[in-house]
Amino acid sequence: MEVDREIDTRGLNCPLPILKAKKSLNDMASGQLLKVVSTDPGSVRDFQAFARQTGNELMAQETVGSDFIHVLKRR
């Protein structure tokens, strides 16, 4: 999956990964993809709720080692 922007929120806990993702998405064009890398296990459900509430599409979520990777599509 080709992403347009990637942010590293490793070491940050809720709500910082969501806030940083929201700020990045605001600077992106509709349809662009944002990849967020987090180490917060709670980020899995947080990004699911964030996508539902904001209308941005959660394209993928995966766990790689201790990293939780989320890919959002800008609405």
N, C-alpha and C. Protein backbone atom coordinates (compact mmCIF):
# COMPACT_ATOMS: atom_id res chain seq x y z
N MET A 1 0.84 -1.17 0.00
CA MET A 1 0.00 0.00 0.00
C MET A 1 0.90 1.24 0.00
N GLU A 2 0.69 2.11 -0.95
CA GLU A 2 1.49 3.33 -1.09
C GLU A 2 0.88 4.44 -0.23
N VAL A 3 1.60 4.87 0.81
CA VAL A 3 1.08 5.92 1.68
C VAL A 3 1.67 7.27 1.28
N ASP A 4 0.91 8.32 1.54
CA ASP A 4 1.36 9.68 1.19
C ASP A 4 2.16 10.33 2.32
N ARG A 5 1.88 9.92 3.56
CA ARG A 5 2.58 10.50 4.70
C ARG A 5 2.63 9.46 5.81
N GLU A 6 3.71 9.48 6.57
CA GLU A 6 3.86 8.56 7.71
C GLU A 6 4.27 9.35 8.93
N ILE A 7 3.64 9.05 10.06
CA ILE A 7 4.05 9.68 11.31
C ILE A 7 4.39 8.60 12.33
N ASP A 8 5.40 8.87 13.12
CA ASP A 8 5.88 7.95 14.14
C ASP A 8 5.44 8.47 15.50
N THR A 9 4.53 7.74 16.15
CA THR A 9 4.05 8.15 17.47
C THR A 9 4.50 7.14 18.53
N ARG A 10 5.56 6.39 18.24
CA ARG A 10 6.06 5.41 19.20
C ARG A 10 6.45 6.11 20.50
N GLY A 11 6.07 5.48 21.61
CA GLY A 11 6.38 6.04 22.92
C GLY A 11 5.33 7.00 23.44
N LEU A 12 4.37 7.37 22.61
CA LEU A 12 3.31 8.29 23.02
C LEU A 12 2.05 7.50 23.37
N ASN A 13 1.36 7.93 24.41
CA ASN A 13 0.12 7.27 24.81
C ASN A 13 -1.08 8.13 24.47
N CYS A 14 -2.24 7.50 24.50
CA CYS A 14 -3.51 8.17 24.20
C CYS A 14 -3.61 9.45 25.02
N PRO A 15 -4.05 10.54 24.45
CA PRO A 15 -4.61 10.70 23.11
C PRO A 15 -3.62 11.23 22.08
N LEU A 16 -2.33 11.26 22.39
CA LEU A 16 -1.36 11.90 21.49
C LEU A 16 -1.29 11.29 20.09
N PRO A 17 -1.29 9.96 19.92
CA PRO A 17 -1.27 9.44 18.54
C PRO A 17 -2.46 9.92 17.70
N ILE A 18 -3.64 9.97 18.32
CA ILE A 18 -4.85 10.45 17.62
C ILE A 18 -4.71 11.93 17.28
N LEU A 19 -4.24 12.72 18.23
CA LEU A 19 -4.10 14.17 17.99
C LEU A 19 -3.10 14.45 16.87
N LYS A 20 -2.00 13.72 16.85
CA LYS A 20 -1.00 13.92 15.79
C LYS A 20 -1.55 13.46 14.43
N ALA A 21 -2.32 12.38 14.43
CA ALA A 21 -2.94 11.90 13.19
C ALA A 21 -3.95 12.92 12.68
N LYS A 22 -4.74 13.47 13.59
CA LYS A 22 -5.75 14.46 13.20
C LYS A 22 -5.08 15.69 12.57
N LYS A 23 -3.99 16.15 13.19
CA LYS A 23 -3.27 17.31 12.67
C LYS A 23 -2.71 17.01 11.27
N SER A 24 -2.14 15.83 11.09
CA SER A 24 -1.59 15.45 9.78
C SER A 24 -2.68 15.35 8.73
N LEU A 25 -3.80 14.72 9.09
CA LEU A 25 -4.91 14.56 8.13
C LEU A 25 -5.45 15.92 7.68
N ASN A 26 -5.46 16.89 8.59
CA ASN A 26 -5.96 18.23 8.24
C ASN A 26 -5.12 18.89 7.16
N ASP A 27 -3.85 18.50 7.06
CA ASP A 27 -2.94 19.08 6.06
C ASP A 27 -2.88 18.26 4.77
N MET A 28 -3.71 17.22 4.69
CA MET A 28 -3.66 16.32 3.53
C MET A 28 -4.90 16.51 2.65
N ALA A 29 -4.77 16.10 1.39
CA ALA A 29 -5.88 16.20 0.44
C ALA A 29 -6.79 14.98 0.58
N SER A 30 -8.02 15.13 0.17
CA SER A 30 -8.98 14.03 0.21
C SER A 30 -8.45 12.84 -0.59
N GLY A 31 -8.56 11.64 -0.01
CA GLY A 31 -8.11 10.43 -0.68
C GLY A 31 -6.68 10.03 -0.39
N GLN A 32 -5.90 10.93 0.23
CA GLN A 32 -4.52 10.58 0.55
C GLN A 32 -4.48 9.63 1.75
N LEU A 33 -3.38 8.85 1.84
CA LEU A 33 -3.24 7.87 2.90
C LEU A 33 -2.19 8.30 3.92
N LEU A 34 -2.56 8.12 5.20
CA LEU A 34 -1.67 8.43 6.32
C LEU A 34 -1.38 7.15 7.08
N LYS A 35 -0.09 6.88 7.29
CA LYS A 35 0.33 5.72 8.08
C LYS A 35 0.79 6.22 9.45
N VAL A 36 0.24 5.63 10.50
CA VAL A 36 0.61 5.99 11.87
C VAL A 36 1.22 4.76 12.53
N VAL A 37 2.42 4.92 13.07
CA VAL A 37 3.09 3.84 13.80
C VAL A 37 3.06 4.20 15.28
N SER A 38 2.51 3.29 16.09
CA SER A 38 2.33 3.54 17.51
C SER A 38 2.79 2.34 18.32
N THR A 39 3.13 2.56 19.59
CA THR A 39 3.44 1.46 20.49
C THR A 39 2.36 1.32 21.56
N ASP A 40 1.33 2.13 21.49
CA ASP A 40 0.24 2.11 22.47
C ASP A 40 -0.79 1.06 22.06
N PRO A 41 -0.94 -0.03 22.85
CA PRO A 41 -1.92 -1.07 22.49
C PRO A 41 -3.34 -0.53 22.38
N GLY A 42 -3.65 0.51 23.13
CA GLY A 42 -4.98 1.11 23.08
C GLY A 42 -5.26 1.83 21.78
N SER A 43 -4.20 2.07 20.99
CA SER A 43 -4.39 2.80 19.74
C SER A 43 -5.23 2.00 18.74
N VAL A 44 -5.27 0.68 18.87
CA VAL A 44 -6.05 -0.14 17.94
C VAL A 44 -7.53 0.28 18.01
N ARG A 45 -8.09 0.26 19.22
CA ARG A 45 -9.50 0.66 19.35
C ARG A 45 -9.68 2.17 19.19
N ASP A 46 -8.67 2.94 19.60
CA ASP A 46 -8.76 4.40 19.46
C ASP A 46 -8.90 4.80 18.00
N PHE A 47 -8.11 4.20 17.11
CA PHE A 47 -8.17 4.57 15.70
C PHE A 47 -9.45 4.06 15.04
N GLN A 48 -9.99 2.94 15.52
CA GLN A 48 -11.27 2.47 15.01
C GLN A 48 -12.37 3.48 15.34
N ALA A 49 -12.38 3.95 16.57
CA ALA A 49 -13.37 4.94 17.00
C ALA A 49 -13.16 6.28 16.28
N PHE A 50 -11.90 6.68 16.14
CA PHE A 50 -11.57 7.94 15.46
C PHE A 50 -12.10 7.93 14.02
N ALA A 51 -11.89 6.82 13.32
CA ALA A 51 -12.36 6.71 11.93
C ALA A 51 -13.88 6.81 11.86
N ARG A 52 -14.56 6.10 12.77
CA ARG A 52 -16.04 6.16 12.80
C ARG A 52 -16.53 7.58 13.05
N GLN A 53 -15.90 8.27 13.98
CA GLN A 53 -16.36 9.61 14.39
C GLN A 53 -16.04 10.69 13.37
N THR A 54 -14.96 10.54 12.62
CA THR A 54 -14.52 11.61 11.73
C THR A 54 -14.87 11.39 10.27
N GLY A 55 -15.23 10.15 9.91
CA GLY A 55 -15.54 9.87 8.51
C GLY A 55 -14.33 9.53 7.66
N ASN A 56 -13.13 9.55 8.28
CA ASN A 56 -11.94 9.07 7.58
C ASN A 56 -11.99 7.55 7.57
N GLU A 57 -11.48 6.93 6.51
CA GLU A 57 -11.58 5.48 6.39
C GLU A 57 -10.33 4.80 6.95
N LEU A 58 -10.54 3.82 7.83
CA LEU A 58 -9.45 3.03 8.37
C LEU A 58 -9.18 1.91 7.37
N MET A 59 -8.11 2.05 6.60
CA MET A 59 -7.81 1.12 5.51
C MET A 59 -7.16 -0.16 6.01
N ALA A 60 -6.33 -0.07 7.05
CA ALA A 60 -5.61 -1.25 7.54
C ALA A 60 -5.12 -1.02 8.96
N GLN A 61 -5.03 -2.12 9.68
CA GLN A 61 -4.39 -2.12 11.00
C GLN A 61 -3.60 -3.42 11.10
N GLU A 62 -2.38 -3.32 11.60
CA GLU A 62 -1.59 -4.54 11.80
C GLU A 62 -0.62 -4.34 12.95
N THR A 63 -0.22 -5.45 13.54
CA THR A 63 0.75 -5.43 14.63
C THR A 63 2.02 -6.07 14.11
N VAL A 64 3.13 -5.34 14.23
CA VAL A 64 4.44 -5.85 13.81
C VAL A 64 5.37 -5.70 15.02
N GLY A 65 5.65 -6.82 15.67
CA GLY A 65 6.45 -6.76 16.89
C GLY A 65 5.69 -5.98 17.95
N SER A 66 6.31 -4.92 18.45
CA SER A 66 5.64 -4.09 19.46
C SER A 66 4.99 -2.85 18.84
N ASP A 67 4.99 -2.78 17.52
CA ASP A 67 4.40 -1.63 16.82
C ASP A 67 2.98 -1.94 16.34
N PHE A 68 2.13 -0.96 16.49
CA PHE A 68 0.76 -1.04 15.96
C PHE A 68 0.69 -0.05 14.81
N ILE A 69 0.35 -0.56 13.62
CA ILE A 69 0.37 0.26 12.41
C ILE A 69 -1.06 0.48 11.93
N HIS A 70 -1.38 1.74 11.68
CA HIS A 70 -2.73 2.13 11.25
C HIS A 70 -2.59 2.92 9.95
N VAL A 71 -3.45 2.64 8.99
CA VAL A 71 -3.45 3.40 7.74
C VAL A 71 -4.84 4.00 7.57
N LEU A 72 -4.87 5.31 7.49
CA LEU A 72 -6.13 6.06 7.36
C LEU A 72 -6.19 6.74 6.00
N LYS A 73 -7.38 6.75 5.43
CA LYS A 73 -7.62 7.46 4.17
C LYS A 73 -8.40 8.73 4.47
N ARG A 74 -7.84 9.85 4.06
CA ARG A 74 -8.46 11.16 4.31
C ARG A 74 -9.79 11.26 3.59
N ARG A 75 -10.81 11.68 4.31
CA ARG A 75 -12.15 11.81 3.71
C ARG A 75 -12.22 12.97 2.76
